[in-house]
């Protein structure tokens, strides 16, 4: 038996990068910052996320830098050869199967400027 499941809760490290393909497929890439449960570390752990299909479109429309999200997916590795040095490289990536938007509507809304708030 083998098992490859990753579940994380954290904040988006940047706005999603979205690519649409002629085939109709869509992919969304972003980073996720997850606080470690350790008193000695103030630095978050960073994870690269890859989201496909309808879930990618949802992420593109609703996730912004700093959004609190939960994900479930599988760990995979991307492999490539460095163009300048020719060295083989790899990077761990989490392919997201499920995305949960955890912040409130207010957290995800664009902030109003002071003038607009005081206008009424």
N, C-alpha and C. Protein backbone atom coordinates (compact mmCIF):
# COMPACT_ATOMS: atom_id res chain seq x y z
N UNK A 1 0.84 -1.18 0.00
CA UNK A 1 0.00 0.00 0.00
C UNK A 1 0.88 1.24 0.00
N UNK A 2 0.50 2.23 -0.79
CA UNK A 2 1.22 3.49 -0.77
C UNK A 2 0.23 4.63 -0.59
N UNK A 3 0.71 5.72 -0.03
CA UNK A 3 -0.16 6.86 0.28
C UNK A 3 0.61 8.14 0.02
N UNK A 4 0.02 9.05 -0.74
CA UNK A 4 0.64 10.34 -1.04
C UNK A 4 -0.44 11.40 -0.90
N UNK A 5 -0.59 11.93 0.31
CA UNK A 5 -1.59 12.95 0.59
C UNK A 5 -0.94 14.06 1.39
N UNK A 6 -1.16 15.29 0.94
CA UNK A 6 -0.64 16.46 1.63
C UNK A 6 -1.82 17.36 1.96
N UNK A 7 -1.92 17.79 3.23
CA UNK A 7 -2.95 18.72 3.66
C UNK A 7 -2.27 19.88 4.37
N UNK A 8 -2.53 21.09 3.90
CA UNK A 8 -1.89 22.28 4.46
C UNK A 8 -2.90 23.42 4.62
N UNK A 9 -2.65 24.27 5.60
CA UNK A 9 -3.39 25.52 5.76
C UNK A 9 -2.37 26.62 5.91
N UNK A 10 -2.53 27.67 5.12
CA UNK A 10 -1.59 28.78 5.19
C UNK A 10 -2.09 29.95 4.37
N UNK A 11 -1.20 30.88 4.11
CA UNK A 11 -1.54 32.10 3.36
C UNK A 11 -0.82 32.13 2.02
N UNK A 12 -1.54 32.59 1.00
CA UNK A 12 -0.96 32.71 -0.33
C UNK A 12 0.20 33.70 -0.29
N UNK A 13 1.33 33.29 -0.85
CA UNK A 13 2.52 34.13 -0.83
C UNK A 13 2.54 35.16 -1.95
N UNK A 14 1.69 34.99 -2.95
CA UNK A 14 1.59 35.94 -4.06
C UNK A 14 0.25 35.72 -4.74
N UNK A 15 -0.10 36.63 -5.63
CA UNK A 15 -1.30 36.43 -6.43
C UNK A 15 -1.07 35.24 -7.36
N UNK A 16 -2.12 34.49 -7.65
CA UNK A 16 -1.97 33.32 -8.54
C UNK A 16 -1.51 33.71 -9.94
N UNK A 17 -0.68 32.86 -10.53
CA UNK A 17 -0.29 32.98 -11.94
C UNK A 17 -1.11 31.96 -12.71
N UNK A 18 -1.87 32.43 -13.70
CA UNK A 18 -2.80 31.56 -14.42
C UNK A 18 -2.39 31.46 -15.88
N UNK A 19 -2.44 30.23 -16.42
CA UNK A 19 -2.17 29.99 -17.84
C UNK A 19 -3.33 29.23 -18.44
N UNK A 20 -3.81 29.72 -19.58
CA UNK A 20 -4.87 29.03 -20.33
C UNK A 20 -4.24 28.40 -21.56
N UNK A 21 -4.64 27.18 -21.86
CA UNK A 21 -4.11 26.45 -23.00
C UNK A 21 -5.16 26.36 -24.09
N UNK A 22 -4.71 26.19 -25.34
CA UNK A 22 -5.63 26.06 -26.47
C UNK A 22 -6.58 24.89 -26.30
N UNK A 23 -6.15 23.89 -25.58
CA UNK A 23 -6.98 22.70 -25.36
C UNK A 23 -8.17 22.98 -24.44
N UNK A 24 -8.14 24.15 -23.78
CA UNK A 24 -9.20 24.47 -22.83
C UNK A 24 -8.77 24.26 -21.38
N UNK A 25 -7.65 23.60 -21.18
CA UNK A 25 -7.14 23.40 -19.82
C UNK A 25 -6.63 24.71 -19.24
N UNK A 26 -6.67 24.81 -17.93
CA UNK A 26 -6.15 25.98 -17.24
C UNK A 26 -5.33 25.49 -16.04
N UNK A 27 -4.21 26.15 -15.79
CA UNK A 27 -3.37 25.82 -14.65
C UNK A 27 -3.09 27.11 -13.87
N UNK A 28 -3.04 26.97 -12.57
CA UNK A 28 -2.77 28.10 -11.68
C UNK A 28 -1.61 27.69 -10.78
N UNK A 29 -0.61 28.56 -10.67
CA UNK A 29 0.53 28.32 -9.79
C UNK A 29 0.61 29.43 -8.77
N UNK A 30 0.90 29.05 -7.53
CA UNK A 30 1.11 30.03 -6.48
C UNK A 30 1.91 29.39 -5.37
N UNK A 31 2.34 30.20 -4.42
CA UNK A 31 3.09 29.70 -3.28
C UNK A 31 2.22 29.82 -2.04
N UNK A 32 2.50 28.94 -1.08
CA UNK A 32 1.76 28.92 0.17
C UNK A 32 2.74 28.99 1.33
N UNK A 33 2.52 29.92 2.24
CA UNK A 33 3.35 30.06 3.44
C UNK A 33 2.60 29.42 4.60
N UNK A 34 3.26 28.47 5.25
CA UNK A 34 2.64 27.75 6.37
C UNK A 34 3.53 27.92 7.59
N UNK A 35 2.92 28.42 8.67
CA UNK A 35 3.67 28.57 9.92
C UNK A 35 3.97 27.21 10.52
N UNK A 36 5.19 27.05 10.99
CA UNK A 36 5.60 25.80 11.61
C UNK A 36 5.24 25.86 13.09
N UNK A 37 4.84 24.76 13.65
CA UNK A 37 4.49 24.71 15.08
C UNK A 37 5.74 24.58 15.93
N UNK A 38 6.54 25.62 15.94
CA UNK A 38 7.77 25.60 16.69
C UNK A 38 7.99 26.98 17.29
N UNK A 39 8.39 27.03 18.52
CA UNK A 39 8.65 28.32 19.17
C UNK A 39 9.94 28.95 18.69
N UNK A 40 10.83 28.15 18.13
CA UNK A 40 12.15 28.64 17.73
C UNK A 40 12.17 29.24 16.34
N UNK A 41 11.09 29.10 15.58
CA UNK A 41 11.12 29.52 14.19
C UNK A 41 10.02 30.53 13.88
N UNK A 42 10.42 31.71 13.42
CA UNK A 42 9.46 32.71 12.98
C UNK A 42 9.28 32.67 11.47
N UNK A 43 10.11 31.88 10.80
CA UNK A 43 10.04 31.78 9.35
C UNK A 43 9.03 30.71 8.95
N UNK A 44 8.17 31.02 7.98
CA UNK A 44 7.23 30.00 7.51
C UNK A 44 7.92 29.01 6.57
N UNK A 45 7.28 27.87 6.38
CA UNK A 45 7.69 26.93 5.34
C UNK A 45 6.94 27.33 4.08
N UNK A 46 7.62 27.29 2.94
CA UNK A 46 7.03 27.69 1.66
C UNK A 46 6.81 26.48 0.78
N UNK A 47 5.65 26.43 0.14
CA UNK A 47 5.29 25.32 -0.74
C UNK A 47 4.82 25.87 -2.08
N UNK A 48 5.25 25.21 -3.16
CA UNK A 48 4.78 25.56 -4.50
C UNK A 48 3.51 24.74 -4.77
N UNK A 49 2.45 25.42 -5.24
CA UNK A 49 1.19 24.76 -5.53
C UNK A 49 0.91 24.80 -7.02
N UNK A 50 0.33 23.72 -7.53
CA UNK A 50 -0.11 23.61 -8.92
C UNK A 50 -1.57 23.17 -8.90
N UNK A 51 -2.43 23.98 -9.50
CA UNK A 51 -3.86 23.72 -9.46
C UNK A 51 -4.38 23.69 -10.90
N UNK A 52 -5.20 22.69 -11.24
CA UNK A 52 -5.70 22.53 -12.60
C UNK A 52 -7.21 22.63 -12.67
N UNK A 53 -7.72 22.94 -13.85
CA UNK A 53 -9.16 22.87 -14.15
C UNK A 53 -9.99 23.92 -13.45
N UNK A 54 -11.19 23.52 -13.08
CA UNK A 54 -12.15 24.44 -12.46
C UNK A 54 -11.60 24.99 -11.15
N UNK A 55 -10.89 24.16 -10.40
CA UNK A 55 -10.30 24.62 -9.14
C UNK A 55 -9.28 25.73 -9.40
N UNK A 56 -8.55 25.65 -10.50
CA UNK A 56 -7.60 26.70 -10.87
C UNK A 56 -8.33 28.01 -11.15
N UNK A 57 -9.48 27.94 -11.82
CA UNK A 57 -10.25 29.14 -12.11
C UNK A 57 -10.78 29.77 -10.83
N UNK A 58 -11.20 28.94 -9.88
CA UNK A 58 -11.66 29.45 -8.59
C UNK A 58 -10.51 30.15 -7.87
N UNK A 59 -9.34 29.53 -7.86
CA UNK A 59 -8.18 30.15 -7.22
C UNK A 59 -7.84 31.48 -7.88
N UNK A 60 -7.88 31.52 -9.21
CA UNK A 60 -7.55 32.75 -9.94
C UNK A 60 -8.52 33.87 -9.59
N UNK A 61 -9.79 33.54 -9.37
CA UNK A 61 -10.80 34.55 -9.10
C UNK A 61 -10.89 34.98 -7.65
N UNK A 62 -10.54 34.10 -6.71
CA UNK A 62 -10.80 34.40 -5.31
C UNK A 62 -9.58 34.45 -4.40
N UNK A 63 -8.45 33.89 -4.83
CA UNK A 63 -7.26 33.89 -3.99
C UNK A 63 -6.38 35.07 -4.37
N UNK A 64 -5.95 35.82 -3.38
CA UNK A 64 -5.03 36.93 -3.56
C UNK A 64 -3.88 36.75 -2.57
N UNK A 65 -2.81 37.49 -2.77
CA UNK A 65 -1.69 37.44 -1.84
C UNK A 65 -2.21 37.69 -0.42
N UNK A 66 -1.85 36.80 0.50
CA UNK A 66 -2.27 36.92 1.89
C UNK A 66 -3.55 36.18 2.23
N UNK A 67 -4.28 35.66 1.23
CA UNK A 67 -5.52 34.92 1.50
C UNK A 67 -5.23 33.65 2.29
N UNK A 68 -6.08 33.38 3.28
CA UNK A 68 -5.97 32.15 4.06
C UNK A 68 -6.70 31.03 3.31
N UNK A 69 -5.95 29.97 2.98
CA UNK A 69 -6.54 28.86 2.23
C UNK A 69 -6.10 27.53 2.84
N UNK A 70 -6.90 26.51 2.58
CA UNK A 70 -6.55 25.15 2.93
C UNK A 70 -6.50 24.34 1.65
N UNK A 71 -5.57 23.42 1.57
CA UNK A 71 -5.44 22.60 0.36
C UNK A 71 -5.23 21.14 0.75
N UNK A 72 -5.66 20.28 -0.14
CA UNK A 72 -5.34 18.85 -0.07
C UNK A 72 -4.88 18.45 -1.46
N UNK A 73 -3.79 17.71 -1.51
CA UNK A 73 -3.26 17.30 -2.80
C UNK A 73 -2.22 16.22 -2.66
N UNK A 74 -1.41 16.09 -3.69
CA UNK A 74 -0.35 15.08 -3.71
C UNK A 74 0.99 15.75 -3.99
N UNK A 75 2.03 15.16 -3.43
CA UNK A 75 3.39 15.66 -3.64
C UNK A 75 3.96 15.05 -4.90
N UNK A 76 4.53 15.91 -5.74
CA UNK A 76 5.22 15.44 -6.94
C UNK A 76 6.51 16.24 -7.07
N UNK A 77 7.37 15.84 -7.97
CA UNK A 77 8.61 16.56 -8.22
C UNK A 77 8.68 16.94 -9.68
N UNK A 78 9.00 18.20 -9.94
CA UNK A 78 9.27 18.66 -11.30
C UNK A 78 10.78 18.53 -11.53
N UNK A 79 11.17 17.99 -12.67
CA UNK A 79 12.58 17.82 -13.01
C UNK A 79 12.89 18.59 -14.28
N UNK A 80 14.07 19.22 -14.34
CA UNK A 80 14.52 19.93 -15.52
C UNK A 80 16.03 20.07 -15.48
N UNK A 81 16.57 20.51 -16.60
CA UNK A 81 18.01 20.73 -16.69
C UNK A 81 18.25 22.24 -16.75
N UNK A 82 19.11 22.74 -15.88
CA UNK A 82 19.43 24.16 -15.83
C UNK A 82 20.03 24.60 -17.16
N UNK A 83 19.46 25.63 -17.75
CA UNK A 83 19.91 26.08 -19.08
C UNK A 83 21.33 26.62 -19.08
N UNK A 84 21.71 27.32 -18.01
CA UNK A 84 23.04 27.93 -18.01
C UNK A 84 24.15 26.97 -17.60
N UNK A 85 23.86 26.07 -16.67
CA UNK A 85 24.91 25.17 -16.18
C UNK A 85 24.77 23.73 -16.67
N UNK A 86 23.58 23.36 -17.13
CA UNK A 86 23.35 21.99 -17.57
C UNK A 86 23.13 21.01 -16.43
N UNK A 87 23.08 21.51 -15.21
CA UNK A 87 22.90 20.66 -14.03
C UNK A 87 21.44 20.23 -13.92
N UNK A 88 21.23 18.97 -13.56
CA UNK A 88 19.87 18.46 -13.34
C UNK A 88 19.31 19.09 -12.07
N UNK A 89 18.09 19.58 -12.15
CA UNK A 89 17.44 20.24 -11.01
C UNK A 89 16.09 19.59 -10.76
N UNK A 90 15.58 19.79 -9.55
CA UNK A 90 14.24 19.32 -9.22
C UNK A 90 13.62 20.25 -8.19
N UNK A 91 12.30 20.23 -8.12
CA UNK A 91 11.57 21.07 -7.18
C UNK A 91 10.32 20.33 -6.74
N UNK A 92 10.07 20.26 -5.41
CA UNK A 92 8.84 19.64 -4.95
C UNK A 92 7.65 20.57 -5.22
N UNK A 93 6.56 20.00 -5.69
CA UNK A 93 5.34 20.75 -6.01
C UNK A 93 4.16 19.97 -5.46
N UNK A 94 3.20 20.69 -4.92
CA UNK A 94 1.98 20.04 -4.46
C UNK A 94 0.90 20.26 -5.51
N UNK A 95 0.42 19.17 -6.07
CA UNK A 95 -0.68 19.24 -7.04
C UNK A 95 -1.98 19.20 -6.25
N UNK A 96 -2.69 20.31 -6.27
CA UNK A 96 -3.87 20.50 -5.43
C UNK A 96 -5.08 19.82 -6.05
N UNK A 97 -5.76 19.00 -5.23
CA UNK A 97 -7.01 18.36 -5.63
C UNK A 97 -8.21 19.10 -5.04
N UNK A 98 -8.01 19.66 -3.86
CA UNK A 98 -9.09 20.37 -3.17
C UNK A 98 -8.57 21.69 -2.62
N UNK A 99 -9.35 22.75 -2.82
CA UNK A 99 -9.00 24.08 -2.34
C UNK A 99 -10.14 24.59 -1.47
N UNK A 100 -9.83 25.04 -0.26
CA UNK A 100 -10.82 25.63 0.63
C UNK A 100 -10.44 27.07 0.91
N UNK A 101 -11.37 27.99 0.65
CA UNK A 101 -11.16 29.40 0.93
C UNK A 101 -11.57 29.62 2.39
N UNK A 102 -10.60 29.91 3.25
CA UNK A 102 -10.85 29.92 4.69
C UNK A 102 -11.06 31.32 5.27
N UNK A 103 -10.63 32.34 4.57
CA UNK A 103 -10.81 33.69 5.09
C UNK A 103 -12.25 34.13 4.97
N UNK A 104 -12.61 35.14 5.73
CA UNK A 104 -13.97 35.68 5.63
C UNK A 104 -14.10 36.49 4.35
N UNK A 105 -15.33 36.83 3.98
CA UNK A 105 -15.54 37.66 2.80
C UNK A 105 -14.83 39.00 2.98
N UNK A 106 -14.85 39.52 4.19
CA UNK A 106 -14.19 40.80 4.45
C UNK A 106 -12.68 40.69 4.25
N UNK A 107 -12.09 39.56 4.68
CA UNK A 107 -10.64 39.35 4.49
C UNK A 107 -10.27 39.33 3.02
N UNK A 108 -11.15 38.77 2.18
CA UNK A 108 -10.86 38.61 0.76
C UNK A 108 -11.28 39.82 -0.07
N UNK A 109 -12.04 40.74 0.51
CA UNK A 109 -12.50 41.92 -0.22
C UNK A 109 -11.37 42.93 -0.36
N UNK A 110 -11.44 43.69 -1.43
CA UNK A 110 -10.45 44.75 -1.62
C UNK A 110 -10.70 45.84 -0.59
N UNK A 111 -9.66 46.36 0.05
CA UNK A 111 -9.87 47.40 1.06
C UNK A 111 -10.38 48.69 0.42
N UNK A 112 -11.31 49.30 1.11
CA UNK A 112 -11.84 50.58 0.63
C UNK A 112 -10.89 51.68 1.08
N UNK A 113 -10.78 52.73 0.29
CA UNK A 113 -9.92 53.83 0.73
C UNK A 113 -10.68 54.69 1.73
N UNK A 114 -9.97 55.51 2.50
CA UNK A 114 -10.58 56.33 3.55
C UNK A 114 -11.62 57.29 3.01
N UNK A 115 -11.39 57.85 1.84
CA UNK A 115 -12.32 58.80 1.26
C UNK A 115 -13.67 58.15 1.01
N UNK A 116 -13.67 56.97 0.46
CA UNK A 116 -14.93 56.28 0.16
C UNK A 116 -15.69 55.93 1.43
N UNK A 117 -14.95 55.56 2.51
CA UNK A 117 -15.62 55.22 3.76
C UNK A 117 -16.28 56.44 4.38
N UNK A 118 -15.66 57.60 4.26
CA UNK A 118 -16.15 58.80 4.92
C UNK A 118 -17.14 59.59 4.05
N UNK A 119 -17.32 59.17 2.84
CA UNK A 119 -18.16 59.90 1.92
C UNK A 119 -19.63 59.84 2.30
N UNK A 120 -20.05 58.76 2.92
CA UNK A 120 -21.46 58.60 3.26
C UNK A 120 -21.69 59.15 4.63
